[in-house]
Protein backbone atom coordinates (compact mmCIF):
# COMPACT_ATOMS: atom_id res chain seq x y z
CA MET A 1 8.51 -14.27 20.08
CA ALA A 2 9.75 -12.60 16.85
CA VAL A 3 8.35 -9.05 15.96
CA MET A 4 7.03 -9.49 12.73
CA LEU A 5 6.31 -6.57 9.57
CA VAL A 6 3.64 -6.25 7.12
CA ASP A 7 4.86 -5.28 3.49
CA SER A 8 1.67 -3.18 3.17
CA HIS A 9 1.97 -2.33 -0.54
CA CYS A 10 4.04 -4.93 -3.46
CA HIS A 11 3.17 -6.16 -7.07
CA ILE A 12 4.23 -9.98 -6.54
CA PRO A 13 3.18 -10.79 -10.24
CA LEU A 14 5.15 -7.47 -11.77
CA ILE A 15 8.29 -8.82 -9.38
CA LEU A 16 8.38 -12.01 -11.73
CA GLN A 17 7.95 -10.37 -14.72
CA GLN A 18 10.81 -8.36 -14.35
CA SER A 19 13.11 -10.43 -12.71
CA PRO A 20 13.15 -13.73 -15.02
CA GLY A 21 15.28 -15.30 -12.59
CA SER A 22 12.98 -15.04 -9.50
CA ASN A 23 10.87 -17.36 -8.26
CA LEU A 24 7.72 -17.11 -5.65
CA PRO A 25 9.15 -19.89 -3.39
CA GLU A 26 12.58 -18.01 -2.87
CA LEU A 27 10.82 -14.46 -2.81
CA LEU A 28 8.39 -15.57 0.52
CA ALA A 29 11.04 -17.24 2.08
CA ALA A 30 13.30 -14.09 1.71
CA ALA A 31 10.70 -12.66 3.43
CA ARG A 32 10.48 -14.78 6.35
CA ALA A 33 13.99 -14.69 6.86
CA ALA A 34 13.69 -10.82 6.80
CA GLU A 35 11.07 -11.34 9.52
CA VAL A 36 8.05 -10.26 7.26
CA ALA A 37 4.91 -12.16 7.99
CA GLY A 38 2.31 -11.08 5.63
CA MET A 39 2.09 -8.61 2.51
CA LEU A 40 -0.79 -6.87 0.42
CA CYS A 41 -0.64 -7.45 -3.32
CA VAL A 42 -2.20 -4.52 -5.18
CA ALA A 43 -3.93 -4.72 -8.21
CA VAL A 44 -3.10 -2.12 -11.21
CA ASP A 45 -5.80 -3.28 -13.25
CA LEU A 46 -8.69 -5.86 -13.47
CA GLU A 47 -7.30 -8.09 -15.84
CA GLY A 48 -4.78 -9.66 -13.21
CA VAL A 49 -6.92 -9.91 -10.36
CA PRO A 50 -7.88 -13.71 -10.97
CA ALA A 51 -3.77 -14.48 -10.87
CA LEU A 52 -4.06 -12.24 -7.67
CA LEU A 53 -6.78 -14.39 -6.03
CA GLY A 54 -4.92 -17.31 -7.00
CA LEU A 55 -1.99 -16.37 -5.09
CA ALA A 56 -4.00 -15.34 -2.19
CA ARG A 57 -6.07 -18.64 -2.04
CA ARG A 58 -2.50 -20.41 -2.28
CA TYR A 59 -1.12 -18.70 0.42
CA PRO A 60 -2.64 -17.51 3.76
CA ASN A 61 -0.08 -14.72 4.74
CA ILE A 62 -1.19 -12.85 1.01
CA VAL A 63 -3.77 -10.88 0.98
CA ILE A 64 -5.12 -8.32 -2.29
CA SER A 65 -6.45 -5.31 -3.23
CA VAL A 66 -8.79 -4.92 -6.59
CA GLY A 67 -8.91 -1.67 -8.93
CA VAL A 68 -7.22 -0.33 -11.82
CA HIS A 69 -4.38 2.46 -11.61
CA PRO A 70 -5.04 5.79 -12.05
CA ASN A 71 -2.34 6.00 -14.74
CA ALA A 72 -3.72 2.41 -16.78
CA HIS A 73 -5.45 2.52 -19.99
CA PRO A 74 -7.73 -0.45 -20.25
CA GLU A 75 -10.24 -1.11 -23.25
CA HIS A 76 -13.16 -0.21 -20.70
CA GLU A 77 -13.51 1.60 -17.91
CA PRO A 78 -13.88 -0.38 -14.79
CA ASP A 79 -17.67 -0.10 -13.44
CA VAL A 80 -19.01 0.10 -9.90
CA ASP A 81 -21.07 -3.40 -10.29
CA THR A 82 -17.61 -4.75 -11.70
CA LEU A 83 -15.21 -3.97 -8.77
CA LEU A 84 -17.80 -4.73 -6.15
CA ALA A 85 -18.52 -8.29 -7.89
CA TYR A 86 -14.53 -8.88 -7.14
CA ALA A 87 -14.74 -7.20 -3.61
CA ARG A 88 -16.95 -9.59 -2.56
CA ASP A 89 -14.38 -12.17 -2.14
CA PRO A 90 -12.82 -12.41 1.29
CA ARG A 91 -8.98 -12.38 0.20
CA VAL A 92 -9.97 -8.80 -1.42
CA ILE A 93 -9.37 -6.70 1.68
CA ALA A 94 -9.09 -3.46 -0.06
CA ILE A 95 -10.01 -1.42 -2.88
CA GLY A 96 -7.32 0.41 -5.19
CA GLU A 97 -4.62 1.36 -5.86
CA THR A 98 -6.88 4.18 -6.96
CA GLY A 99 -6.09 8.20 -7.06
CA LEU A 100 -4.50 10.88 -9.10
CA ASP A 101 -1.66 10.88 -11.02
CA TYR A 102 -0.21 14.27 -12.57
CA TYR A 103 3.31 13.41 -13.42
CA ARG A 104 2.60 10.35 -16.28
CA SER A 105 -0.81 11.48 -17.08
CA ARG A 106 -1.12 15.10 -18.74
CA GLY A 107 -3.79 16.91 -20.59
CA ASP A 108 -7.51 16.85 -19.60
CA LEU A 109 -7.50 14.22 -16.67
CA GLY A 110 -11.70 14.43 -16.13
CA TRP A 111 -11.25 10.72 -16.61
CA GLN A 112 -8.94 9.85 -13.97
CA HIS A 113 -11.24 11.88 -11.33
CA GLU A 114 -14.05 10.01 -12.08
CA ARG A 115 -11.90 6.82 -12.19
CA PHE A 116 -11.34 7.85 -8.65
CA ARG A 117 -14.05 9.02 -7.27
CA ARG A 118 -15.72 5.68 -8.63
CA HIS A 119 -13.46 3.72 -7.01
CA ILE A 120 -14.31 5.46 -3.63
CA ARG A 121 -17.54 4.48 -4.13
CA VAL A 122 -17.53 1.16 -4.35
CA ALA A 123 -15.01 1.29 -1.48
CA ARG A 124 -17.94 2.92 1.03
CA ILE A 125 -20.45 0.10 -0.63
CA ALA A 126 -18.12 -2.89 0.11
CA LYS A 127 -16.75 -1.23 3.27
CA LYS A 128 -13.29 -2.04 2.55
CA PRO A 129 -10.79 0.67 2.79
CA LEU A 130 -8.82 2.39 -0.14
CA ILE A 131 -5.33 2.29 -1.43
CA VAL A 132 -4.67 5.98 -2.51
CA HIS A 133 -1.46 6.80 -5.18
CA SER A 134 -0.66 10.48 -5.46
CA ARG A 135 1.84 12.16 -7.46
CA GLU A 136 1.88 15.74 -8.17
CA ALA A 137 -2.33 15.79 -7.46
CA ARG A 138 -2.07 16.54 -3.48
CA GLY A 139 -4.49 19.28 -3.66
CA ASN A 140 -6.94 17.25 -6.02
CA VAL A 141 -6.33 14.39 -4.14
CA ILE A 142 -7.35 15.58 -1.07
CA LYS A 143 -10.61 17.43 -2.51
CA ILE A 144 -11.94 14.62 -4.05
CA LEU A 145 -11.12 12.06 -0.89
CA SER A 146 -13.62 14.75 1.64
CA GLU A 147 -16.10 15.64 -1.04
CA GLU A 148 -16.58 11.44 -1.45
CA LYS A 149 -16.88 11.25 1.98
CA ALA A 150 -13.95 8.93 1.64
CA GLY A 151 -13.57 9.32 5.77
CA GLU A 152 -16.16 6.34 5.88
CA ALA A 153 -14.01 3.85 4.35
CA GLY A 154 -10.79 4.72 5.34
CA GLY A 155 -7.57 3.27 4.06
CA ILE A 156 -3.51 4.17 3.25
CA MET A 157 -2.13 6.86 1.37
CA HIS A 158 0.49 4.84 -0.65
CA CYS A 159 3.94 5.66 -0.82
CA PHE A 160 3.84 9.23 0.42
CA THR A 161 5.91 12.01 -0.90
CA ASP A 162 3.65 14.48 0.20
CA ASP A 163 4.35 17.69 2.62
CA TYR A 164 3.29 17.55 6.46
CA GLU A 165 0.06 19.67 6.17
CA THR A 166 -1.11 17.09 3.48
CA ALA A 167 -0.36 14.43 5.39
CA LEU A 168 -2.54 15.62 8.28
CA LYS A 169 -5.22 16.49 6.16
CA ALA A 170 -5.32 12.45 5.21
CA LEU A 171 -4.92 11.18 8.65
CA HIS A 172 -8.35 13.30 9.37
CA LEU A 173 -9.92 11.56 6.16
CA ASN A 174 -9.43 8.30 8.28
CA PHE A 175 -6.12 7.36 6.31
CA LEU A 176 -2.77 6.03 7.43
CA ILE A 177 0.54 6.90 6.22
CA SER A 178 2.52 4.76 4.23
CA PHE A 179 6.07 5.29 3.46
CA SER A 180 8.45 3.39 1.13
CA GLY A 181 11.68 2.75 0.08
CA ILE A 182 12.04 6.60 -0.93
CA LEU A 183 12.30 7.31 2.74
CA THR A 184 15.65 6.12 2.82
CA PHE A 185 17.06 7.96 -0.01
CA LYS A 186 19.63 10.67 0.40
CA ASN A 187 17.73 13.23 -1.38
CA ALA A 188 14.71 12.81 0.64
CA THR A 189 15.22 14.92 3.54
CA ALA A 190 11.82 16.80 3.41
CA LEU A 191 9.98 13.84 3.40
CA GLN A 192 12.09 12.50 6.10
CA GLU A 193 11.26 15.26 8.68
CA VAL A 194 7.59 14.44 7.86
CA ALA A 195 8.11 11.18 9.09
CA ARG A 196 9.56 12.26 12.09
CA LYS A 197 6.84 14.34 13.16
CA LEU A 198 3.74 12.21 12.03
CA PRO A 199 3.05 9.39 15.13
CA LEU A 200 4.48 6.08 14.14
CA GLU A 201 0.35 5.12 15.67
CA ARG A 202 -0.47 6.20 12.10
CA LEU A 203 2.09 5.12 9.81
CA LEU A 204 2.91 1.84 8.01
CA VAL A 205 5.61 0.51 5.50
CA GLU A 206 6.07 -0.72 2.17
CA THR A 207 8.58 -1.62 -0.33
CA ASP A 208 6.12 -0.95 -3.67
CA SER A 209 8.21 -3.63 -5.20
CA PRO A 210 9.28 -4.03 -7.74
CA TYR A 211 9.54 -0.53 -7.59
CA LEU A 212 11.24 1.97 -5.14
CA ALA A 213 14.10 -0.50 -3.45
CA PRO A 214 15.52 1.23 -0.38
CA VAL A 215 18.79 1.87 0.47
CA PRO A 216 21.50 -0.23 0.36
CA TYR A 217 19.25 -1.92 -3.20
CA ARG A 218 18.53 1.49 -4.74
CA GLY A 219 18.57 0.73 -8.22
CA LYS A 220 18.06 -3.42 -8.12
CA SER A 221 14.84 -4.80 -8.42
CA ASN A 222 12.85 -4.37 -5.00
CA GLN A 223 11.05 -7.33 -3.09
CA PRO A 224 8.89 -7.69 0.27
CA ALA A 225 12.15 -8.71 1.85
CA TYR A 226 13.35 -5.16 1.81
CA VAL A 227 10.42 -3.59 4.01
CA ARG A 228 12.79 -4.68 6.96
CA HIS A 229 15.20 -1.52 5.88
CA VAL A 230 12.65 0.91 5.56
CA ALA A 231 11.34 0.12 9.01
CA GLU A 232 14.81 0.18 10.30
CA PHE A 233 15.52 3.42 8.54
CA LEU A 234 12.13 4.75 9.98
CA ALA A 235 13.00 3.72 13.28
CA SER A 236 16.03 5.66 13.16
CA LEU A 237 14.70 8.46 12.32
CA LYS A 238 12.42 8.23 15.02
CA GLY A 239 14.60 7.66 17.76
CA THR A 240 13.23 4.46 18.73
CA THR A 241 14.45 0.65 18.18
CA PHE A 242 13.26 -1.48 14.95
CA GLU A 243 11.44 -3.64 17.01
CA GLN A 244 9.10 -0.91 18.05
CA VAL A 245 8.30 0.21 14.50
CA ALA A 246 7.83 -3.22 13.38
CA LYS A 247 5.28 -4.38 16.29
CA GLN A 248 3.34 -0.26 15.87
CA THR A 249 3.20 -0.81 11.81
CA THR A 250 2.19 -4.07 12.18
CA ARG A 251 -0.65 -3.49 14.70
CA ASN A 252 -1.55 -0.36 12.32
CA PHE A 253 -1.87 -2.79 9.64
CA LEU A 254 -3.65 -5.58 11.03
CA ASP A 255 -6.56 -2.80 12.94
CA LEU A 256 -7.46 -1.63 9.58
CA PHE A 257 -7.05 -4.99 8.02
CA PRO A 258 -8.67 -7.24 11.22
CA SER A 259 -9.85 -10.00 8.68
CA THR A 260 -6.05 -10.57 8.32
CA ARG A 261 -5.23 -11.43 11.88
CA ALA A 262 -5.40 -14.96 11.69
CA GLY A 263 -4.21 -15.93 8.20
CA MET A 264 -1.26 -13.19 8.22
CA CYS A 265 0.25 -12.70 11.42
CA PRO A 266 -1.12 -13.92 14.53
CA GLU A 267 1.96 -13.67 16.73
CA ALA A 268 1.81 -9.75 16.16
CA ALA A 269 -1.79 -9.70 16.92
CA PRO A 270 -1.85 -7.17 20.39
CA GLY A 271 -3.22 -9.54 23.52
């Protein structure tokens, strides 16, 4: 039985928008050929959620989240009731991506903090894990997660690039750590050392496609198939096999999102 991977964070509509020559059947075929059995397609705004739901209803190995990215500037702030209404759909398995970003947003970011807190409250009410975006904001991200009791929902620290101490705090709050193609970059030595230290039982792999393509595709449009390169690189860092990394990270994903076992990749479910 083949060992299968899960891409724990991708943006399929953005891949198709940014790569005019691409199409969904080819993307999914490439993923299958790379032994990527399932993918979590993550929302960045509410306007795109209906299209994501359409994808998830058509393809059982695609599941989605609902949320508004910390850098987004919608006409109306997402309110708890609206987010909860979307979250009731069984194909919506997570809330986010949400969090803080001090790299692209500057000045008074009280609005960003409140949006983050609102998403955490929704996750706790809906009992669905969070997908957390953190960029140059690790102290406040951990602070808000702790204050809002985000550990009750748990979730994923997506595209993790922070230090080992922050990773430990996130693990303590019931979050998994997800590594993207950044892990494969030559200048990511500090992050690679973090990956070596963390237990494989708490890790995931992702693409964040169409962004952050791993080596050897750095600088090109990313896609779910390329998550295999992240997994292979992680295996080399940890001195283990690709098969072991694929098996364990997929199990970690299925344990966090047990409703995905049957439709996404039953072959990888633990016996």
